[in-house]
Amino acid sequence: MDNKKLTKSSSNKQVAGVAGGLAEYFEVDPTLVRIAFVVFTFTGGPGLLVYILLALILPEDERKAKNDFTA
């Protein structure tokens, strides 16, 4: 059983790591997730609002936290 958690990406981040985290979780290309957010934003959808909410709600990637303490 795979123990995947939805988190913000620490390795594949452009702004807050939300799109990278979603892409890692669903195993898709992060560019597709970023394009989806842009399309939803410019077609009158809640793309930007959803991105901001996820940036506030999603936890940081645990791998980043572990690497910060070993540096």
C-alpha atoms as a PDB file:
ATOM      1  CA  MET A   1       0.000   0.000   0.000  1.00  0.00           C
ATOM      2  CA  ASP A   2       1.399   3.355  -1.042  1.00  0.00           C
ATOM      3  CA  ASN A   3       1.569   5.945   1.758  1.00  0.00           C
ATOM      4  CA  LYS A   4       1.186   9.080  -0.357  1.00  0.00           C
ATOM      5  CA  LYS A   5       0.386  12.418   1.250  1.00  0.00           C
ATOM      6  CA  LEU A   6      -0.745  15.537  -0.545  1.00  0.00           C
ATOM      7  CA  THR A   7       1.814  18.221   0.328  1.00  0.00           C
ATOM      8  CA  LYS A   8       3.407  21.245  -1.272  1.00  0.00           C
ATOM      9  CA  SER A   9       6.448  20.220  -3.271  1.00  0.00           C
ATOM     10  CA  SER A  10       9.844  21.303  -2.041  1.00  0.00           C
ATOM     11  CA  SER A  11      11.706  20.168  -5.146  1.00  0.00           C
ATOM     12  CA  ASN A  12       9.292  21.183  -7.912  1.00  0.00           C
ATOM     13  CA  LYS A  13       8.081  24.622  -6.977  1.00  0.00           C
ATOM     14  CA  GLN A  14       7.584  27.772  -9.019  1.00  0.00           C
ATOM     15  CA  VAL A  15       5.508  29.894  -6.643  1.00  0.00           C
ATOM     16  CA  ALA A  16       4.363  28.007  -3.544  1.00  0.00           C
ATOM     17  CA  GLY A  17       4.791  24.372  -4.583  1.00  0.00           C
ATOM     18  CA  VAL A  18       1.072  23.650  -4.897  1.00  0.00           C
ATOM     19  CA  ALA A  19       1.081  22.582  -8.552  1.00  0.00           C
ATOM     20  CA  GLY A  20       4.230  20.539  -8.038  1.00  0.00           C
ATOM     21  CA  GLY A  21       2.724  18.833  -5.009  1.00  0.00           C
ATOM     22  CA  LEU A  22      -0.489  18.006  -6.856  1.00  0.00           C
ATOM     23  CA  ALA A  23       1.518  16.678  -9.802  1.00  0.00           C
ATOM     24  CA  GLU A  24       3.634  14.462  -7.554  1.00  0.00           C
ATOM     25  CA  TYR A  25       0.552  13.136  -5.768  1.00  0.00           C
ATOM     26  CA  PHE A  26      -1.384  12.333  -8.971  1.00  0.00           C
ATOM     27  CA  GLU A  27       1.784  11.326 -10.881  1.00  0.00           C
ATOM     28  CA  VAL A  28       1.282  13.761 -13.766  1.00  0.00           C
ATOM     29  CA  ASP A  29       3.457  16.429 -15.361  1.00  0.00           C
ATOM     30  CA  PRO A  30       3.502  19.595 -13.198  1.00  0.00           C
ATOM     31  CA  THR A  31       3.255  21.738 -16.324  1.00  0.00           C
ATOM     32  CA  LEU A  32      -0.208  20.285 -16.979  1.00  0.00           C
ATOM     33  CA  VAL A  33      -1.328  21.186 -13.468  1.00  0.00           C
ATOM     34  CA  ARG A  34       0.011  24.731 -13.851  1.00  0.00           C
ATOM     35  CA  ILE A  35      -1.745  25.120 -17.208  1.00  0.00           C
ATOM     36  CA  ALA A  36      -4.987  23.868 -15.635  1.00  0.00           C
ATOM     37  CA  PHE A  37      -4.760  26.526 -12.899  1.00  0.00           C
ATOM     38  CA  VAL A  38      -4.170  29.252 -15.517  1.00  0.00           C
ATOM     39  CA  VAL A  39      -7.032  28.048 -17.716  1.00  0.00           C
ATOM     40  CA  PHE A  40      -9.434  27.881 -14.761  1.00  0.00           C
ATOM     41  CA  THR A  41      -8.397  31.365 -13.698  1.00  0.00           C
ATOM     42  CA  PHE A  42      -8.814  33.029 -17.099  1.00  0.00           C
ATOM     43  CA  THR A  43     -12.083  31.299 -18.006  1.00  0.00           C
ATOM     44  CA  GLY A  44     -13.875  32.785 -15.024  1.00  0.00           C
ATOM     45  CA  GLY A  45     -13.262  29.840 -12.742  1.00  0.00           C
ATOM     46  CA  PRO A  46     -11.851  29.838  -9.250  1.00  0.00           C
ATOM     47  CA  GLY A  47      -8.322  28.803 -10.298  1.00  0.00           C
ATOM     48  CA  LEU A  48      -6.440  31.535  -8.461  1.00  0.00           C
ATOM     49  CA  LEU A  49      -8.643  31.276  -5.379  1.00  0.00           C
ATOM     50  CA  VAL A  50      -8.168  27.492  -5.226  1.00  0.00           C
ATOM     51  CA  TYR A  51      -4.396  27.903  -5.637  1.00  0.00           C
ATOM     52  CA  ILE A  52      -4.209  30.432  -2.792  1.00  0.00           C
ATOM     53  CA  LEU A  53      -6.353  28.281  -0.509  1.00  0.00           C
ATOM     54  CA  LEU A  54      -4.227  25.211  -1.223  1.00  0.00           C
ATOM     55  CA  ALA A  55      -1.051  27.225  -0.608  1.00  0.00           C
ATOM     56  CA  LEU A  56      -2.390  28.128   2.834  1.00  0.00           C
ATOM     57  CA  ILE A  57      -3.843  24.708   3.703  1.00  0.00           C
ATOM     58  CA  LEU A  58      -1.376  22.145   2.334  1.00  0.00           C
ATOM     59  CA  PRO A  59       1.508  21.229   4.630  1.00  0.00           C
ATOM     60  CA  GLU A  60       5.131  21.547   3.558  1.00  0.00           C
ATOM     61  CA  ASP A  61       6.845  18.480   2.156  1.00  0.00           C
ATOM     62  CA  GLU A  62       8.410  16.485   5.013  1.00  0.00           C
ATOM     63  CA  ARG A  63      11.524  15.802   2.931  1.00  0.00           C
ATOM     64  CA  LYS A  64      12.283  19.520   2.942  1.00  0.00           C
ATOM     65  CA  ALA A  65      11.882  19.749   6.703  1.00  0.00           C
ATOM     66  CA  LYS A  66      14.281  16.833   7.206  1.00  0.00           C
ATOM     67  CA  ASN A  67      16.848  18.372   4.846  1.00  0.00           C
ATOM     68  CA  ASP A  68      16.698  21.729   6.626  1.00  0.00           C
ATOM     69  CA  PHE A  69      17.793  20.162   9.916  1.00  0.00           C
ATOM     70  CA  THR A  70      20.695  18.254   8.398  1.00  0.00           C
ATOM     71  CA  ALA A  71      22.223  21.282   6.700  1.00  0.00           C
END
